[in-house]
C-alpha atoms as a PDB file:
ATOM      1  CA  UNK A   1      61.071 -31.628 -30.583  1.00  0.00           C
ATOM      2  CA  UNK A   2      58.482 -31.205 -28.090  1.00  0.00           C
ATOM      3  CA  UNK A   3      58.110 -27.442 -27.134  1.00  0.00           C
ATOM      4  CA  UNK A   4      58.477 -26.832 -23.061  1.00  0.00           C
ATOM      5  CA  UNK A   5      55.444 -24.744 -21.579  1.00  0.00           C
ATOM      6  CA  UNK A   6      56.485 -22.613 -18.352  1.00  0.00           C
ATOM      7  CA  UNK A   7      53.881 -20.820 -17.045  1.00  0.00           C
ATOM      8  CA  UNK A   8      54.514 -17.683 -14.956  1.00  0.00           C
ATOM      9  CA  UNK A   9      52.554 -16.135 -12.722  1.00  0.00           C
ATOM     10  CA  UNK A  10      51.706 -12.070 -13.001  1.00  0.00           C
ATOM     11  CA  UNK A  11      53.775 -11.993  -9.475  1.00  0.00           C
ATOM     12  CA  UNK A  12      56.706 -13.846 -10.148  1.00  0.00           C
ATOM     13  CA  UNK A  13      57.289 -11.759 -12.388  1.00  0.00           C
ATOM     14  CA  UNK A  14      57.631  -9.074 -10.098  1.00  0.00           C
ATOM     15  CA  UNK A  15      53.799  -7.567 -10.264  1.00  0.00           C
ATOM     16  CA  UNK A  16      52.159  -5.616  -7.111  1.00  0.00           C
ATOM     17  CA  UNK A  17      48.979  -5.556  -6.024  1.00  0.00           C
ATOM     18  CA  UNK A  18      47.327  -2.906  -5.260  1.00  0.00           C
ATOM     19  CA  UNK A  19      44.181  -4.223  -3.914  1.00  0.00           C
ATOM     20  CA  UNK A  20      41.007  -2.870  -2.846  1.00  0.00           C
ATOM     21  CA  UNK A  21      42.758   0.322  -4.443  1.00  0.00           C
ATOM     22  CA  UNK A  22      42.788  -0.283  -8.133  1.00  0.00           C
ATOM     23  CA  UNK A  23      38.556  -1.540  -7.833  1.00  0.00           C
ATOM     24  CA  UNK A  24      37.661   1.880  -5.794  1.00  0.00           C
ATOM     25  CA  UNK A  25      36.937   3.949  -9.241  1.00  0.00           C
ATOM     26  CA  UNK A  26      34.431   0.767 -10.394  1.00  0.00           C
ATOM     27  CA  UNK A  27      31.711   0.808  -7.368  1.00  0.00           C
ATOM     28  CA  UNK A  28      28.604   1.962  -7.730  1.00  0.00           C
ATOM     29  CA  UNK A  29      26.727   4.827  -5.974  1.00  0.00           C
ATOM     30  CA  UNK A  30      24.417   2.673  -4.526  1.00  0.00           C
ATOM     31  CA  UNK A  31      27.178   0.355  -2.885  1.00  0.00           C
ATOM     32  CA  UNK A  32      29.021   3.994  -1.281  1.00  0.00           C
ATOM     33  CA  UNK A  33      25.601   4.998  -0.223  1.00  0.00           C
ATOM     34  CA  UNK A  34      24.886   1.612   1.630  1.00  0.00           C
ATOM     35  CA  UNK A  35      28.723   1.368   3.125  1.00  0.00           C
ATOM     36  CA  UNK A  36      28.469   5.501   4.062  1.00  0.00           C
ATOM     37  CA  UNK A  37      24.842   4.270   5.989  1.00  0.00           C
ATOM     38  CA  UNK A  38      26.388   1.387   8.216  1.00  0.00           C
ATOM     39  CA  UNK A  39      29.167   3.153   8.699  1.00  0.00           C
ATOM     40  CA  UNK A  40      26.707   5.793  10.594  1.00  0.00           C
ATOM     41  CA  UNK A  41      24.616   2.833  12.030  1.00  0.00           C
ATOM     42  CA  UNK A  42      27.840   1.316  13.539  1.00  0.00           C
ATOM     43  CA  UNK A  43      28.499   5.029  15.101  1.00  0.00           C
ATOM     44  CA  UNK A  44      25.020   5.117  16.677  1.00  0.00           C
ATOM     45  CA  UNK A  45      25.794   1.835  18.856  1.00  0.00           C
ATOM     46  CA  UNK A  46      23.464  -0.475  19.994  1.00  0.00           C
ATOM     47  CA  UNK A  47      19.542  -0.298  19.768  1.00  0.00           C
ATOM     48  CA  UNK A  48      18.290   0.649  23.158  1.00  0.00           C
ATOM     49  CA  UNK A  49      15.262  -1.454  24.655  1.00  0.00           C
ATOM     50  CA  UNK A  50      11.923   0.639  24.991  1.00  0.00           C
ATOM     51  CA  UNK A  51       9.227  -0.089  27.643  1.00  0.00           C
ATOM     52  CA  UNK A  52       7.956  -3.754  27.317  1.00  0.00           C
ATOM     53  CA  UNK A  53       4.652  -3.680  26.290  1.00  0.00           C
ATOM     54  CA  UNK A  54       1.939  -6.496  27.069  1.00  0.00           C
ATOM     55  CA  UNK A  55       0.187  -8.698  24.248  1.00  0.00           C
ATOM     56  CA  UNK A  56      -3.650  -6.615  24.993  1.00  0.00           C
ATOM     57  CA  UNK A  57      -1.698  -3.474  23.284  1.00  0.00           C
ATOM     58  CA  UNK A  58      -0.065  -5.056  20.926  1.00  0.00           C
ATOM     59  CA  UNK A  59      -3.079  -6.563  19.913  1.00  0.00           C
ATOM     60  CA  UNK A  60      -4.958  -3.324  19.308  1.00  0.00           C
ATOM     61  CA  UNK A  61      -2.063  -1.876  18.187  1.00  0.00           C
ATOM     62  CA  UNK A  62      -1.574  -4.592  14.950  1.00  0.00           C
ATOM     63  CA  UNK A  63      -5.355  -4.320  14.660  1.00  0.00           C
ATOM     64  CA  UNK A  64      -5.398  -0.547  13.462  1.00  0.00           C
ATOM     65  CA  UNK A  65      -1.798  -0.393  11.778  1.00  0.00           C
ATOM     66  CA  UNK A  66      -3.943  -3.960   9.091  1.00  0.00           C
ATOM     67  CA  UNK A  67      -6.764  -2.042   9.289  1.00  0.00           C
ATOM     68  CA  UNK A  68      -5.905   1.255   8.300  1.00  0.00           C
ATOM     69  CA  UNK A  69      -2.776   0.354   6.456  1.00  0.00           C
ATOM     70  CA  UNK A  70      -1.048   2.410   8.495  1.00  0.00           C
ATOM     71  CA  UNK A  71       2.997   1.908   8.946  1.00  0.00           C
ATOM     72  CA  UNK A  72       4.355   0.922  12.401  1.00  0.00           C
ATOM     73  CA  UNK A  73       7.728   0.391  13.588  1.00  0.00           C
ATOM     74  CA  UNK A  74       8.558  -2.118  15.946  1.00  0.00           C
ATOM     75  CA  UNK A  75      10.851  -3.498  18.688  1.00  0.00           C
ATOM     76  CA  UNK A  76      11.439  -7.130  19.042  1.00  0.00           C
ATOM     77  CA  UNK A  77      12.217  -9.785  21.898  1.00  0.00           C
ATOM     78  CA  UNK A  78      15.206 -10.696  21.088  1.00  0.00           C
ATOM     79  CA  UNK A  79      18.362 -10.169  22.169  1.00  0.00           C
ATOM     80  CA  UNK A  80      21.816 -10.682  20.152  1.00  0.00           C
ATOM     81  CA  UNK A  81      25.250 -10.665  22.068  1.00  0.00           C
ATOM     82  CA  UNK A  82      23.278  -8.031  25.121  1.00  0.00           C
ATOM     83  CA  UNK A  83      21.273  -5.591  22.647  1.00  0.00           C
ATOM     84  CA  UNK A  84      18.515  -5.955  20.909  1.00  0.00           C
ATOM     85  CA  UNK A  85      17.671  -5.848  16.834  1.00  0.00           C
ATOM     86  CA  UNK A  86      16.997  -2.693  15.181  1.00  0.00           C
ATOM     87  CA  UNK A  87      13.219  -1.480  14.770  1.00  0.00           C
ATOM     88  CA  UNK A  88      11.341  -2.882  12.296  1.00  0.00           C
ATOM     89  CA  UNK A  89       9.615  -0.156  10.039  1.00  0.00           C
ATOM     90  CA  UNK A  90       7.188  -2.130   8.155  1.00  0.00           C
ATOM     91  CA  UNK A  91       2.945  -2.312   7.274  1.00  0.00           C
ATOM     92  CA  UNK A  92       1.162  -5.397   8.537  1.00  0.00           C
ATOM     93  CA  UNK A  93       0.389  -7.798   5.744  1.00  0.00           C
ATOM     94  CA  UNK A  94      -2.451  -9.847   7.631  1.00  0.00           C
ATOM     95  CA  UNK A  95      -2.123 -13.084   9.660  1.00  0.00           C
ATOM     96  CA  UNK A  96      -2.245 -17.522  10.488  1.00  0.00           C
ATOM     97  CA  UNK A  97      -2.847 -18.619  12.819  1.00  0.00           C
ATOM     98  CA  UNK A  98       0.010 -17.910  15.529  1.00  0.00           C
ATOM     99  CA  UNK A  99       2.178 -15.992  13.083  1.00  0.00           C
ATOM    100  CA  UNK A 100       1.520 -12.328  11.629  1.00  0.00           C
ATOM    101  CA  UNK A 101       2.823 -11.151   8.386  1.00  0.00           C
ATOM    102  CA  UNK A 102       4.561  -8.074   7.622  1.00  0.00           C
ATOM    103  CA  UNK A 103       6.064  -5.725   4.961  1.00  0.00           C
ATOM    104  CA  UNK A 104       9.153  -4.447   5.764  1.00  0.00           C
ATOM    105  CA  UNK A 105      10.311  -0.172   4.533  1.00  0.00           C
ATOM    106  CA  UNK A 106      13.199  -2.216   1.819  1.00  0.00           C
ATOM    107  CA  UNK A 107      10.218  -4.716   0.145  1.00  0.00           C
ATOM    108  CA  UNK A 108      11.242  -8.078   2.234  1.00  0.00           C
ATOM    109  CA  UNK A 109       8.394  -9.880   4.197  1.00  0.00           C
ATOM    110  CA  UNK A 110       8.429 -11.125   6.872  1.00  0.00           C
ATOM    111  CA  UNK A 111       6.622 -13.032   9.957  1.00  0.00           C
ATOM    112  CA  UNK A 112       7.046 -12.938  13.757  1.00  0.00           C
ATOM    113  CA  UNK A 113       4.815 -14.425  16.977  1.00  0.00           C
ATOM    114  CA  UNK A 114       2.977 -11.689  19.193  1.00  0.00           C
ATOM    115  CA  UNK A 115       4.553 -13.328  21.931  1.00  0.00           C
ATOM    116  CA  UNK A 116       8.247 -11.375  19.864  1.00  0.00           C
ATOM    117  CA  UNK A 117       7.188  -8.223  19.815  1.00  0.00           C
ATOM    118  CA  UNK A 118       8.432  -6.736  22.185  1.00  0.00           C
ATOM    119  CA  UNK A 119       7.042  -3.147  21.918  1.00  0.00           C
ATOM    120  CA  UNK A 120       5.118  -1.460  18.751  1.00  0.00           C
ATOM    121  CA  UNK A 121       4.113   2.207  17.690  1.00  0.00           C
ATOM    122  CA  UNK A 122       2.560   3.799  14.400  1.00  0.00           C
ATOM    123  CA  UNK A 123       4.756   5.578  12.024  1.00  0.00           C
ATOM    124  CA  UNK A 124       3.967   8.919  10.154  1.00  0.00           C
ATOM    125  CA  UNK A 125       2.851   7.911   6.788  1.00  0.00           C
ATOM    126  CA  UNK A 126       4.589  10.214   4.986  1.00  0.00           C
ATOM    127  CA  UNK A 127       7.950   8.502   6.552  1.00  0.00           C
ATOM    128  CA  UNK A 128       6.881   5.384   4.788  1.00  0.00           C
ATOM    129  CA  UNK A 129       6.526   6.614   1.360  1.00  0.00           C
ATOM    130  CA  UNK A 130       9.239   8.875   1.266  1.00  0.00           C
ATOM    131  CA  UNK A 131      11.155   7.462  -1.835  1.00  0.00           C
ATOM    132  CA  UNK A 132       9.188   5.039  -2.160  1.00  0.00           C
ATOM    133  CA  UNK A 133       8.442   3.069  -5.602  1.00  0.00           C
ATOM    134  CA  UNK A 134       4.608   3.538  -6.499  1.00  0.00           C
ATOM    135  CA  UNK A 135       4.625  -0.485  -7.979  1.00  0.00           C
ATOM    136  CA  UNK A 136       5.616  -0.827  -3.349  1.00  0.00           C
ATOM    137  CA  UNK A 137       2.289   1.726  -3.304  1.00  0.00           C
ATOM    138  CA  UNK A 138      -0.027   0.244  -5.694  1.00  0.00           C
ATOM    139  CA  UNK A 139       0.578  -3.341  -3.595  1.00  0.00           C
ATOM    140  CA  UNK A 140      -0.055  -2.443  -0.155  1.00  0.00           C
ATOM    141  CA  UNK A 141      -2.542  -0.657  -0.492  1.00  0.00           C
END
């Protein structure tokens, strides 16, 4: 005599999945903070294009920022869906060939070329180091 195995899914038994509701209690506070930050940035609208600077002005600011380890805010001269990308808060790490290397405020590294920068300005150093990890501070200095 062989036994017949019957597999039944919870849906077949009438179970109604509550979807996201059952996972809401398991959300990390950091994830919720990030979701709130994304909502706020979407409410602000797309970034407005700043005054286009020439390469000499941009180079001078980059050199001062690199030598004195001053954080900067830069706007890329790249459009996505007819909107500029959000400004980047970063520190200049150095350059090689035609690439300039930056450390972003969130700890990531990125690079670009001089002609890809639309506008650049110095940032208040106290804003850069607020809520920063001290190991990252030591790494930059």
